[in-house]
Amino acid sequence: MTGGFTRRRSGRQGWGERPGAPAEGSGRASRPRATPCPRGARSRGAAALGGPIPEARDAASGGRPRAADALARPPLGGRRALRLRAALARPRALRCRGGCSRGLVPPRPDPGRTGRAMRGKLLPLAGLYLVQGLPYGLQSGLLPVLLRARGLSLTRVALAKVLYLPWLLKLAWAPLVDTRGSLRAWLTLSTAALGLVCALLAALPPAAGPAGLPATVAGLLLLLNLGAAVQDVALDTLAVQLLEPAELGPGNTVQVVAYKLGAVLAGGGLLALVPALSWALLFVLLAATYWLAAALVWAAPALRQLPVHQPQPSEAPLRTLHLLQDLLAMPGTLWTAGFVLTYKLGEQGASSLFPLFLLDHGISTPELGLWNGVGAVLCSIVGSSLGGALLSRHWQPLPLLRSVLRFRLGGLACQTALLFHLDGPGLRLGPSAALRGAALLSLCLQHLLGGLVTTTTFTLMMRCSQLTPSALQATHYSLLATLELLGKLFLGTLAGALADSLGLHLCFSLFLVLSGLPILYLSLAPSTLA
């Protein structure tokens, strides 16, 4: 019926139709209907204004209001009607905030709240990684000097590196961390146990003389490494579970930088205080530091929310005797394992031999200690911080690794060319030579790029572990971390023998080739890690 009301089947008048509108099939162009707001707020607004909605345009008129609409619309009066008409002119997503689920604009995240939440996660991680670096700095920098000063032979001092063995056996207890108790309990107990071992070491100083390290002290140092390795498994699992994907870059920067700072404090920092500190006072100080860290771990708000692991029936097939096969079957694990095993081979070989090469060509021991010790660590920390900053600016790990590995290859090529030039008969680095500055700059540049590569690689490792079931994440990351450590120790240990048998020129050429292989290997990366 022309000129009448057009009703829906439910018997209600549509909000997009008005009195006098043509019925469907009347031969006139019909107006497209818009979907009504679920709460009817728009219907009430249109009825109050007595006119059609702005979207209800005649299709044939190109979106302009029809003349009949203008005549049928009563004059507006009052500010309330003006505000209603302005509200109806907004896009649907902005109008329906009060309850319309279609087109709802999600609230923007509060940057301040997001920053506070991330700091609440990163501060406990920073403190724990700092105290985790203390045993490494203690045994690599401080303990050899103390043992040598007490009269132990160089061979006995070198054999103390066997005490690092628990770090290579982390897979033996990583499943226990996965399936027993909470991460908060593991971290608190392992940190408190480190303090207890340090207290026992304070009561048992090694006797002077060349007989070697006492068996009791050696056993306690082995327990110190065991406690640090257990803490490392729990702490890495905490980082994997606690950090969001967007927080992996800053989280891994905190991990690398804090660990290196802890190693520097326990190595160089305490070494400077050795004349004023006895063996007993030194380890009492370390024990107090560990116990304070354990108390902070137990009280940290971010760690209180961690659940106690409850094994699920779906996790039973993963707890088999073929645990290694289960781990390697996880998405991207085989490729990541191959990468972390090989990405540091060339860099470790060069960084082991180049400082000794500079020492043989005129660089003094104190100057080399300054540049290869303090300068190298600072450059490595700067590189790690730069890597975290780039990752937090939405760089993906794989493209960033590809770029950084190319820079590292170029830096190593320059260092190799410099070594070829300096490795001539009678050529030494003078106190004011430009080659001297170039050699020291090359040394620091490689450590800066090495820190950047390490942070990006650890981010990639965490991303791979986050793809595994939660019951396997501690064991999975421990596997990758163990392979990464093996890759660094392998060529670093064999570098001297390779130099003696092959010569420096051929040896550094081999290091250059090994540094280029990871760039080619990146092209085989699975899409799950992209």
Protein backbone atom coordinates (compact mmCIF):
# COMPACT_ATOMS: atom_id res chain seq x y z
CA MET A 1 0.00 0.00 0.00
CA THR A 2 1.53 3.25 -1.15
CA GLY A 3 1.94 5.97 1.43
CA GLY A 4 1.29 3.68 4.37
CA PHE A 5 3.43 2.21 7.11
CA THR A 6 5.95 -0.47 6.19
CA ARG A 7 6.34 -2.96 9.04
CA ARG A 8 8.63 -5.89 9.62
CA ARG A 9 7.29 -9.36 10.23
CA SER A 10 7.63 -8.84 13.95
CA GLY A 11 5.02 -6.09 13.76
CA ARG A 12 7.38 -3.30 14.83
CA GLN A 13 8.17 -0.27 12.78
CA GLY A 14 11.79 -0.27 11.60
CA TRP A 15 13.96 2.56 12.76
CA GLY A 16 15.11 3.11 9.19
CA GLU A 17 11.52 3.65 7.95
CA ARG A 18 9.22 6.59 8.47
CA PRO A 19 5.54 7.29 7.91
CA GLY A 20 4.87 7.88 4.25
CA ALA A 21 7.74 5.69 3.03
CA PRO A 22 6.94 3.49 0.01
CA ALA A 23 6.38 -0.22 0.56
CA GLU A 24 8.63 -2.80 -1.03
CA GLY A 25 7.64 -3.74 -4.54
CA SER A 26 5.81 -0.46 -5.18
CA GLY A 27 7.99 0.35 -8.18
CA ARG A 28 9.94 3.09 -6.48
CA ALA A 29 13.55 2.80 -5.45
CA SER A 30 13.62 1.32 -1.99
CA ARG A 31 15.95 2.61 0.65
CA PRO A 32 18.66 0.23 2.01
CA ARG A 33 18.12 -0.75 5.61
CA ALA A 34 20.89 -0.57 8.19
CA THR A 35 21.13 -3.15 10.95
CA PRO A 36 19.61 -1.77 14.16
CA CYS A 37 21.67 -1.28 17.29
CA PRO A 38 21.03 -4.19 19.66
CA ARG A 39 19.99 -1.95 22.52
CA GLY A 40 17.77 0.27 20.42
CA ALA A 41 19.57 3.44 21.45
CA ARG A 42 19.66 4.57 17.88
CA SER A 43 15.98 3.92 17.34
CA ARG A 44 15.06 6.06 20.29
CA GLY A 45 17.39 8.84 19.06
CA ALA A 46 15.88 8.80 15.58
CA ALA A 47 12.35 8.80 16.95
CA ALA A 48 13.14 11.75 19.19
CA LEU A 49 14.40 13.73 16.25
CA GLY A 50 11.52 12.69 14.04
CA GLY A 51 13.67 12.11 11.00
CA PRO A 52 15.63 9.45 9.19
CA ILE A 53 19.15 8.52 10.20
CA PRO A 54 22.06 10.03 8.25
CA GLU A 55 22.97 6.64 6.73
CA ALA A 56 19.46 6.09 5.35
CA ARG A 57 20.01 7.72 1.99
CA ASP A 58 18.30 7.10 -1.28
CA ALA A 59 20.56 4.90 -3.38
CA ALA A 60 19.40 6.60 -6.55
CA SER A 61 20.17 10.09 -5.28
CA GLY A 62 23.86 9.37 -4.74
CA GLY A 63 23.69 9.42 -0.95
CA ARG A 64 21.91 12.81 -0.63
CA PRO A 65 18.70 13.22 1.46
CA ARG A 66 15.56 13.11 -0.54
CA ALA A 67 13.30 16.13 -0.73
CA ALA A 68 10.48 14.20 0.97
CA ASP A 69 12.77 13.55 3.90
CA ALA A 70 13.52 17.22 4.31
CA LEU A 71 9.83 18.10 4.22
CA ALA A 72 8.89 15.36 6.69
CA ARG A 73 11.59 16.33 9.22
CA PRO A 74 10.21 18.63 11.90
CA PRO A 75 12.21 21.63 12.94
CA LEU A 76 14.77 20.96 15.66
CA GLY A 77 14.71 22.82 18.89
CA GLY A 78 16.93 22.84 21.94
CA ARG A 79 20.52 21.86 22.58
CA ARG A 80 19.57 18.30 23.41
CA ALA A 81 18.27 17.68 19.89
CA LEU A 82 21.46 19.16 18.41
CA ARG A 83 23.60 16.88 20.57
CA LEU A 84 21.55 13.84 19.55
CA ARG A 85 21.86 14.66 15.85
CA ALA A 86 25.62 15.15 16.21
CA ALA A 87 25.88 11.82 18.00
CA LEU A 88 23.94 10.09 15.22
CA ALA A 89 26.32 11.53 12.63
CA ARG A 90 29.30 9.70 14.16
CA PRO A 91 30.51 6.33 12.85
CA ARG A 92 28.75 3.28 14.26
CA ALA A 93 31.87 2.07 16.13
CA LEU A 94 32.05 5.31 18.11
CA ARG A 95 28.29 5.58 18.80
CA CYS A 96 27.69 2.16 20.26
CA ARG A 97 30.16 2.15 23.10
CA GLY A 98 27.36 1.76 25.62
CA GLY A 99 26.50 -1.81 24.70
CA CYS A 100 26.58 -2.47 20.97
CA SER A 101 28.88 -5.43 20.40
CA ARG A 102 29.12 -4.88 16.63
CA GLY A 103 31.78 -2.40 15.59
CA LEU A 104 32.90 -1.80 19.15
CA VAL A 105 36.19 0.08 19.35
CA PRO A 106 38.54 -1.68 21.80
CA PRO A 107 39.97 0.56 24.48
CA ARG A 108 43.50 1.73 23.91
CA PRO A 109 46.09 0.29 26.31
CA ASP A 110 47.39 2.66 28.93
CA PRO A 111 51.14 3.14 28.24
CA GLY A 112 51.80 3.95 31.88
CA ARG A 113 50.09 0.82 33.15
CA THR A 114 51.84 -1.34 30.52
CA GLY A 115 55.22 0.12 31.47
CA ARG A 116 54.61 -0.51 35.17
CA ALA A 117 53.58 -4.10 34.48
CA MET A 118 56.71 -4.74 32.43
CA ARG A 119 58.96 -3.18 35.08
CA GLY A 120 57.31 -5.40 37.67
CA LYS A 121 58.51 -8.39 35.64
CA LEU A 122 61.95 -7.13 34.58
CA LEU A 123 63.18 -5.96 38.00
CA PRO A 124 63.00 -9.43 39.65
CA LEU A 125 64.57 -10.95 36.54
CA ALA A 126 67.41 -8.42 36.62
CA GLY A 127 68.19 -9.11 40.27
CA LEU A 128 68.14 -12.88 39.79
CA TYR A 129 70.30 -12.85 36.66
CA LEU A 130 72.76 -10.56 38.43
CA VAL A 131 73.24 -12.98 41.33
CA GLN A 132 73.35 -15.85 38.84
CA GLY A 133 76.40 -14.27 37.21
CA LEU A 134 78.29 -14.13 40.53
CA PRO A 135 79.51 -17.79 40.50
CA TYR A 136 80.83 -17.45 36.95
CA GLY A 137 82.75 -14.28 37.73
CA LEU A 138 83.93 -15.81 41.00
CA GLN A 139 85.45 -18.86 39.30
CA SER A 140 86.67 -17.26 36.09
CA GLY A 141 88.15 -14.06 37.51
CA LEU A 142 88.53 -14.14 41.28
CA LEU A 143 89.17 -17.77 42.24
CA PRO A 144 92.18 -18.38 39.92
CA VAL A 145 93.93 -15.31 41.37
CA LEU A 146 93.20 -16.36 44.96
CA LEU A 147 94.36 -19.92 44.38
CA ARG A 148 97.51 -18.79 42.59
CA ALA A 149 98.30 -16.35 45.40
CA ARG A 150 98.06 -19.27 47.87
CA GLY A 151 100.77 -21.16 45.99
CA LEU A 152 98.80 -23.55 43.75
CA SER A 153 100.40 -24.50 40.46
CA LEU A 154 99.03 -23.24 37.14
CA THR A 155 97.96 -26.76 36.24
CA ARG A 156 95.94 -27.07 39.45
CA VAL A 157 94.35 -23.68 38.86
CA ALA A 158 93.39 -24.64 35.30
CA LEU A 159 91.82 -27.90 36.49
CA ALA A 160 89.35 -25.85 38.53
CA LYS A 161 87.37 -25.35 35.27
CA VAL A 162 86.15 -28.94 35.64
CA LEU A 163 83.84 -27.52 38.30
CA TYR A 164 81.73 -26.05 35.46
CA LEU A 165 80.46 -29.56 34.67
CA PRO A 166 76.95 -29.08 36.20
CA TRP A 167 76.23 -26.40 33.61
CA LEU A 168 76.51 -29.01 30.84
CA LEU A 169 74.17 -31.42 32.64
CA LYS A 170 71.15 -29.16 33.08
CA LEU A 171 68.95 -31.54 31.11
CA ALA A 172 69.25 -34.06 33.95
CA TRP A 173 67.16 -31.97 36.38
CA ALA A 174 65.24 -29.70 34.01
CA PRO A 175 62.28 -32.18 33.91
CA LEU A 176 62.05 -31.95 37.71
CA VAL A 177 61.70 -28.17 37.46
CA ASP A 178 58.99 -28.73 34.83
CA THR A 179 56.90 -31.18 36.83
CA ARG A 180 57.52 -30.63 40.55
CA GLY A 181 56.46 -27.59 42.54
CA SER A 182 56.38 -23.95 41.51
CA LEU A 183 59.05 -21.78 39.92
CA ARG A 184 58.87 -19.46 42.92
CA ALA A 185 59.83 -22.33 45.24
CA TRP A 186 62.63 -23.55 42.95
CA LEU A 187 64.12 -20.06 42.67
CA THR A 188 63.89 -19.34 46.38
CA LEU A 189 65.37 -22.67 47.47
CA SER A 190 68.20 -22.68 44.89
CA THR A 191 69.19 -19.09 45.74
CA ALA A 192 69.11 -19.81 49.48
CA ALA A 193 71.18 -22.96 48.87
CA LEU A 194 73.81 -20.86 47.09
CA GLY A 195 74.01 -18.68 50.19
CA LEU A 196 74.43 -21.76 52.40
CA VAL A 197 77.30 -23.08 50.24
CA CYS A 198 79.03 -19.70 50.41
CA ALA A 199 78.67 -19.71 54.20
CA LEU A 200 80.31 -23.16 54.35
CA LEU A 201 83.11 -21.95 52.04
CA ALA A 202 83.71 -19.05 54.41
CA ALA A 203 84.36 -21.55 57.20
CA LEU A 204 86.76 -23.69 55.11
CA PRO A 205 89.48 -21.57 53.49
CA PRO A 206 91.94 -23.55 51.32
CA ALA A 207 95.32 -24.17 52.93
CA ALA A 208 98.39 -22.57 51.42
CA GLY A 209 100.74 -24.76 49.46
CA PRO A 210 101.09 -26.44 46.06
CA ALA A 211 99.20 -29.60 47.02
CA GLY A 212 96.09 -28.46 45.20
CA LEU A 213 92.54 -27.47 46.00
CA PRO A 214 91.27 -29.33 49.08
CA ALA A 215 88.66 -31.94 48.30
CA THR A 216 86.15 -30.31 50.66
CA VAL A 217 86.51 -26.90 49.03
CA ALA A 218 86.36 -28.44 45.55
CA GLY A 219 83.17 -30.30 46.51
CA LEU A 220 81.58 -27.11 47.82
CA LEU A 221 82.52 -25.25 44.65
CA LEU A 222 80.95 -28.07 42.64
CA LEU A 223 77.78 -27.66 44.73
CA LEU A 224 77.93 -23.91 44.08
CA ASN A 225 77.87 -24.56 40.33
CA LEU A 226 75.11 -27.13 40.78
CA GLY A 227 72.93 -24.65 42.66
CA ALA A 228 73.61 -21.95 40.07
CA ALA A 229 72.73 -24.34 37.22
CA VAL A 230 69.43 -25.34 38.92
CA GLN A 231 68.65 -21.67 39.47
CA ASP A 232 69.44 -21.03 35.80
CA VAL A 233 66.89 -23.63 34.64
CA ALA A 234 64.15 -22.21 36.87
CA LEU A 235 65.00 -18.61 35.98
CA ASP A 236 65.00 -19.21 32.23
CA THR A 237 61.65 -20.98 32.55
CA LEU A 238 60.31 -18.04 34.54
CA ALA A 239 61.37 -15.66 31.77
CA VAL A 240 59.77 -17.85 29.09
CA GLN A 241 56.44 -18.03 30.95
CA LEU A 242 56.36 -14.51 32.38
CA LEU A 243 57.29 -12.40 29.36
CA GLU A 244 54.85 -11.54 26.59
CA PRO A 245 56.09 -11.72 22.97
CA ALA A 246 56.52 -7.93 22.86
CA GLU A 247 58.61 -8.08 26.06
CA LEU A 248 61.14 -10.68 24.88
CA GLY A 249 63.58 -8.07 23.56
CA PRO A 250 63.82 -6.04 26.80
CA GLY A 251 63.70 -9.26 28.83
CA ASN A 252 66.69 -10.80 27.07
CA THR A 253 68.57 -7.52 27.32
CA VAL A 254 68.06 -7.63 31.08
CA GLN A 255 69.18 -11.26 31.11
CA VAL A 256 72.46 -10.72 29.25
CA VAL A 257 73.38 -7.36 30.80
CA ALA A 258 72.57 -8.35 34.39
CA TYR A 259 74.45 -11.65 34.08
CA LYS A 260 77.54 -9.89 32.73
CA LEU A 261 77.37 -7.24 35.44
CA GLY A 262 77.20 -9.97 38.07
CA ALA A 263 80.23 -11.68 36.56
CA VAL A 264 82.16 -8.39 36.49
CA LEU A 265 81.24 -7.57 40.10
CA ALA A 266 82.30 -11.01 41.37
CA GLY A 267 85.42 -11.08 39.22
CA GLY A 268 86.95 -7.64 38.86
CA GLY A 269 84.99 -5.86 41.60
CA LEU A 270 85.76 -8.29 44.40
CA LEU A 271 89.29 -8.76 43.08
CA ALA A 272 89.93 -5.07 43.73
CA LEU A 273 88.78 -5.59 47.33
CA VAL A 274 90.91 -8.69 47.93
CA PRO A 275 93.65 -6.80 49.85
CA ALA A 276 91.00 -5.64 52.33
CA LEU A 277 88.92 -8.83 52.38
CA SER A 278 89.90 -12.23 53.70
CA TRP A 279 88.61 -15.49 52.23
CA ALA A 280 86.06 -15.84 55.05
CA LEU A 281 84.77 -12.25 54.82
CA LEU A 282 84.47 -12.51 51.04
CA PHE A 283 82.21 -15.56 51.13
CA VAL A 284 80.20 -14.21 54.07
CA LEU A 285 79.43 -11.19 51.88
CA LEU A 286 78.37 -13.46 49.01
CA ALA A 287 76.20 -15.55 51.36
CA ALA A 288 74.40 -12.45 52.62
CA THR A 289 73.81 -11.35 49.01
CA TYR A 290 72.24 -14.69 48.08
CA TRP A 291 70.00 -14.81 51.16
CA LEU A 292 68.80 -11.27 50.50
CA ALA A 293 68.02 -12.25 46.90
CA ALA A 294 66.11 -15.35 48.09
CA ALA A 295 63.96 -13.19 50.39
CA LEU A 296 63.21 -10.77 47.56
CA VAL A 297 62.26 -13.65 45.27
CA TRP A 298 59.79 -14.99 47.81
CA ALA A 299 58.21 -11.55 48.27
CA ALA A 300 58.15 -10.45 44.60
CA PRO A 301 54.52 -9.76 43.50
CA ALA A 302 55.15 -10.95 39.94
CA LEU A 303 56.24 -14.38 41.22
CA ARG A 304 53.36 -14.83 43.66
CA GLN A 305 50.92 -15.23 40.79
CA LEU A 306 52.81 -18.16 39.26
CA PRO A 307 50.78 -21.38 39.55
CA VAL A 308 52.01 -24.64 41.02
CA HIS A 309 52.38 -27.13 38.21
CA GLN A 310 49.68 -29.79 38.15
CA PRO A 311 50.37 -32.55 35.60
CA GLN A 312 47.54 -32.94 33.10
CA PRO A 313 46.50 -36.21 31.42
CA SER A 314 47.39 -34.73 28.03
CA GLU A 315 50.97 -34.26 29.20
CA ALA A 316 51.52 -37.94 30.04
CA PRO A 317 52.78 -39.03 26.57
CA LEU A 318 55.49 -36.35 26.74
CA ARG A 319 56.97 -37.78 29.94
CA THR A 320 58.61 -40.78 28.30
CA LEU A 321 62.08 -42.25 28.16
CA HIS A 322 62.46 -40.67 24.73
CA LEU A 323 62.47 -37.16 26.13
CA LEU A 324 65.10 -35.91 23.70
CA GLN A 325 63.02 -37.09 20.75
CA ASP A 326 59.99 -35.34 22.18
CA LEU A 327 61.96 -32.12 22.53
CA LEU A 328 63.41 -32.22 19.04
CA ALA A 329 59.94 -32.88 17.61
CA MET A 330 58.70 -29.50 18.86
CA PRO A 331 58.16 -26.85 16.12
CA GLY A 332 61.39 -25.16 15.04
CA THR A 333 63.56 -26.98 17.59
CA LEU A 334 65.87 -28.83 15.19
CA TRP A 335 66.67 -25.68 13.25
CA THR A 336 67.18 -23.59 16.41
CA ALA A 337 69.43 -26.29 17.94
CA GLY A 338 71.63 -26.28 14.84
CA PHE A 339 71.82 -22.50 14.83
CA VAL A 340 72.75 -22.02 18.52
CA LEU A 341 75.36 -24.76 18.21
CA THR A 342 77.18 -23.04 15.33
CA TYR A 343 76.48 -19.28 15.40
CA LYS A 344 79.38 -18.48 17.79
CA LEU A 345 82.06 -20.80 16.39
CA GLY A 346 84.02 -18.24 14.36
CA GLU A 347 83.53 -15.44 16.87
CA GLN A 348 84.73 -17.51 19.84
CA GLY A 349 87.81 -18.72 18.01
CA ALA A 350 88.82 -15.21 16.99
CA SER A 351 88.11 -13.67 20.41
CA SER A 352 90.27 -16.36 22.06
CA LEU A 353 93.32 -15.81 19.85
CA PHE A 354 93.32 -12.14 18.82
CA PRO A 355 94.12 -10.74 22.32
CA LEU A 356 97.04 -13.16 22.62
CA PHE A 357 98.20 -12.09 19.17
CA LEU A 358 98.17 -8.44 20.30
CA LEU A 359 100.11 -9.39 23.43
CA ASP A 360 102.80 -11.02 21.26
CA HIS A 361 103.07 -7.88 19.10
CA GLY A 362 103.76 -5.23 21.71
CA ILE A 363 100.55 -4.51 23.66
CA SER A 364 101.37 -4.46 27.38
CA THR A 365 99.58 -6.78 29.78
CA PRO A 366 97.87 -3.99 31.82
CA GLU A 367 96.69 -2.24 28.66
CA LEU A 368 95.40 -5.48 27.16
CA GLY A 369 93.68 -6.32 30.44
CA LEU A 370 91.96 -2.93 30.39
CA TRP A 371 90.75 -3.19 26.80
CA ASN A 372 89.99 -6.91 26.70
CA GLY A 373 88.51 -6.90 30.21
CA VAL A 374 86.66 -3.71 31.10
CA GLY A 375 86.40 -2.32 27.57
CA ALA A 376 85.19 -5.59 26.04
CA VAL A 377 82.56 -6.15 28.74
CA LEU A 378 81.26 -2.59 28.42
CA CYS A 379 81.04 -2.91 24.63
CA SER A 380 79.25 -6.24 25.01
CA ILE A 381 76.73 -4.65 27.40
CA VAL A 382 76.17 -1.77 24.94
CA GLY A 383 75.60 -4.28 22.14
CA SER A 384 73.14 -6.27 24.24
CA SER A 385 71.24 -3.10 25.16
CA LEU A 386 71.15 -2.04 21.51
CA GLY A 387 69.74 -5.43 20.55
CA GLY A 388 66.99 -5.13 23.15
CA ALA A 389 66.14 -1.60 21.96
CA LEU A 390 65.85 -2.74 18.34
CA LEU A 391 63.70 -5.73 19.28
CA SER A 392 61.40 -3.54 21.36
CA ARG A 393 60.91 -1.31 18.31
CA HIS A 394 59.14 -4.19 16.56
CA TRP A 395 62.19 -5.69 14.85
CA GLN A 396 61.72 -9.42 14.38
CA PRO A 397 64.62 -11.63 15.57
CA LEU A 398 65.32 -13.35 12.24
CA PRO A 399 65.66 -10.19 10.06
CA LEU A 400 67.70 -8.50 12.81
CA LEU A 401 69.99 -11.53 13.09
CA ARG A 402 70.54 -11.53 9.34
CA SER A 403 71.66 -7.90 9.37
CA VAL A 404 73.81 -8.16 12.50
CA LEU A 405 75.57 -11.33 11.35
CA ARG A 406 76.57 -9.57 8.15
CA PHE A 407 78.05 -6.70 10.17
CA ARG A 408 79.88 -9.21 12.36
CA LEU A 409 81.29 -10.95 9.30
CA GLY A 410 82.52 -7.62 7.95
CA GLY A 411 84.15 -6.74 11.28
CA LEU A 412 85.89 -10.12 11.46
CA ALA A 413 87.11 -9.70 7.87
CA CYS A 414 88.71 -6.37 8.84
CA GLN A 415 90.27 -7.97 11.92
CA THR A 416 91.64 -10.84 9.81
CA ALA A 417 93.12 -8.41 7.27
CA LEU A 418 94.74 -6.48 10.13
CA LEU A 419 96.21 -9.71 11.52
CA PHE A 420 97.61 -10.64 8.10
CA HIS A 421 99.26 -7.21 7.89
CA LEU A 422 100.72 -7.29 11.40
CA ASP A 423 101.89 -10.90 11.28
CA GLY A 424 105.15 -10.02 9.59
CA PRO A 425 108.73 -10.46 10.73
CA GLY A 426 109.76 -7.86 13.31
CA LEU A 427 106.53 -5.81 13.03
CA ARG A 428 105.29 -4.57 16.40
CA LEU A 429 102.60 -2.17 17.56
CA GLY A 430 104.21 1.07 18.70
CA PRO A 431 102.75 3.29 21.42
CA SER A 432 101.41 5.88 18.96
CA ALA A 433 100.84 3.86 15.82
CA ALA A 434 97.51 4.07 14.01
CA LEU A 435 97.53 0.30 13.71
CA ARG A 436 97.49 0.06 17.49
CA GLY A 437 94.25 2.02 17.71
CA ALA A 438 92.77 0.04 14.82
CA ALA A 439 93.59 -3.25 16.55
CA LEU A 440 92.02 -2.21 19.86
CA LEU A 441 88.99 -0.76 18.06
CA SER A 442 88.57 -4.03 16.18
CA LEU A 443 88.68 -5.92 19.48
CA CYS A 444 85.94 -3.77 21.04
CA LEU A 445 83.79 -3.76 17.89
CA GLN A 446 83.66 -7.54 17.79
CA HIS A 447 82.50 -7.65 21.42
CA LEU A 448 79.80 -5.04 20.71
CA LEU A 449 78.47 -7.01 17.74
CA GLY A 450 78.79 -10.23 19.74
CA GLY A 451 76.56 -8.82 22.50
CA LEU A 452 73.98 -7.75 19.93
CA VAL A 453 73.98 -11.21 18.33
CA THR A 454 73.72 -12.94 21.72
CA THR A 455 70.66 -10.95 22.85
CA THR A 456 68.85 -11.51 19.55
CA THR A 457 69.66 -15.23 19.60
CA PHE A 458 68.40 -15.64 23.18
CA THR A 459 65.16 -13.93 22.12
CA LEU A 460 64.83 -16.44 19.28
CA MET A 461 65.47 -19.31 21.72
CA MET A 462 62.73 -18.07 24.07
CA ARG A 463 60.30 -17.68 21.18
CA CYS A 464 60.99 -21.27 20.15
CA SER A 465 60.47 -22.52 23.73
CA GLN A 466 57.18 -20.65 23.99
CA LEU A 467 55.85 -22.84 21.14
CA THR A 468 56.22 -25.96 23.31
CA PRO A 469 53.74 -27.21 25.96
CA SER A 470 54.20 -25.60 29.36
CA ALA A 471 55.24 -28.95 30.86
CA LEU A 472 58.28 -29.02 28.57
CA GLN A 473 59.37 -25.39 28.50
CA ALA A 474 62.07 -25.63 31.19
CA THR A 475 63.59 -28.76 29.64
CA HIS A 476 63.31 -27.34 26.13
CA TYR A 477 65.06 -24.06 26.93
CA SER A 478 67.71 -25.92 28.95
CA LEU A 479 68.47 -28.05 25.90
CA LEU A 480 68.95 -24.97 23.71
CA ALA A 481 71.04 -23.19 26.36
CA THR A 482 73.26 -26.26 26.82
CA LEU A 483 73.86 -26.52 23.06
CA GLU A 484 74.64 -22.80 22.94
CA LEU A 485 77.23 -23.22 25.71
CA LEU A 486 78.74 -26.28 24.01
CA GLY A 487 79.13 -24.37 20.75
CA LYS A 488 80.98 -21.54 22.51
CA LEU A 489 83.23 -23.83 24.55
CA PHE A 490 84.08 -26.16 21.68
CA LEU A 491 86.05 -23.87 19.40
CA GLY A 492 87.21 -21.63 22.23
CA THR A 493 88.95 -24.65 23.74
CA LEU A 494 90.42 -25.92 20.46
CA ALA A 495 91.48 -22.51 19.12
CA GLY A 496 95.00 -22.72 20.58
CA ALA A 497 95.64 -26.20 19.17
CA LEU A 498 94.33 -25.10 15.75
CA ALA A 499 96.63 -22.07 15.74
CA ASP A 500 99.66 -24.19 16.64
CA SER A 501 98.93 -26.78 13.96
CA LEU A 502 97.54 -24.66 11.10
CA GLY A 503 99.07 -21.25 11.71
CA LEU A 504 97.31 -17.97 12.38
CA HIS A 505 96.58 -17.15 8.73
CA LEU A 506 94.81 -20.40 7.94
CA CYS A 507 93.16 -20.46 11.36
CA PHE A 508 91.58 -17.00 11.01
CA SER A 509 90.50 -17.84 7.46
CA LEU A 510 88.65 -20.82 8.92
CA PHE A 511 87.04 -18.56 11.54
CA LEU A 512 85.89 -16.24 8.76
CA VAL A 513 84.21 -19.11 6.89
CA LEU A 514 82.54 -20.36 10.09
CA SER A 515 81.16 -16.86 10.75
CA GLY A 516 79.58 -16.78 7.30
CA LEU A 517 77.79 -20.11 7.60
CA PRO A 518 75.05 -18.87 10.02
CA ILE A 519 74.02 -16.24 7.44
CA LEU A 520 73.33 -18.99 4.92
CA TYR A 521 71.68 -21.13 7.59
CA LEU A 522 69.15 -18.37 8.33
CA SER A 523 67.59 -18.89 4.89
CA LEU A 524 66.42 -22.33 6.10
CA ALA A 525 64.57 -20.94 9.14
CA PRO A 526 61.04 -22.41 9.57
CA SER A 527 58.03 -20.16 9.25
CA THR A 528 56.99 -20.91 12.85
CA LEU A 529 59.85 -18.71 14.10
CA ALA A 530 59.21 -15.82 11.72
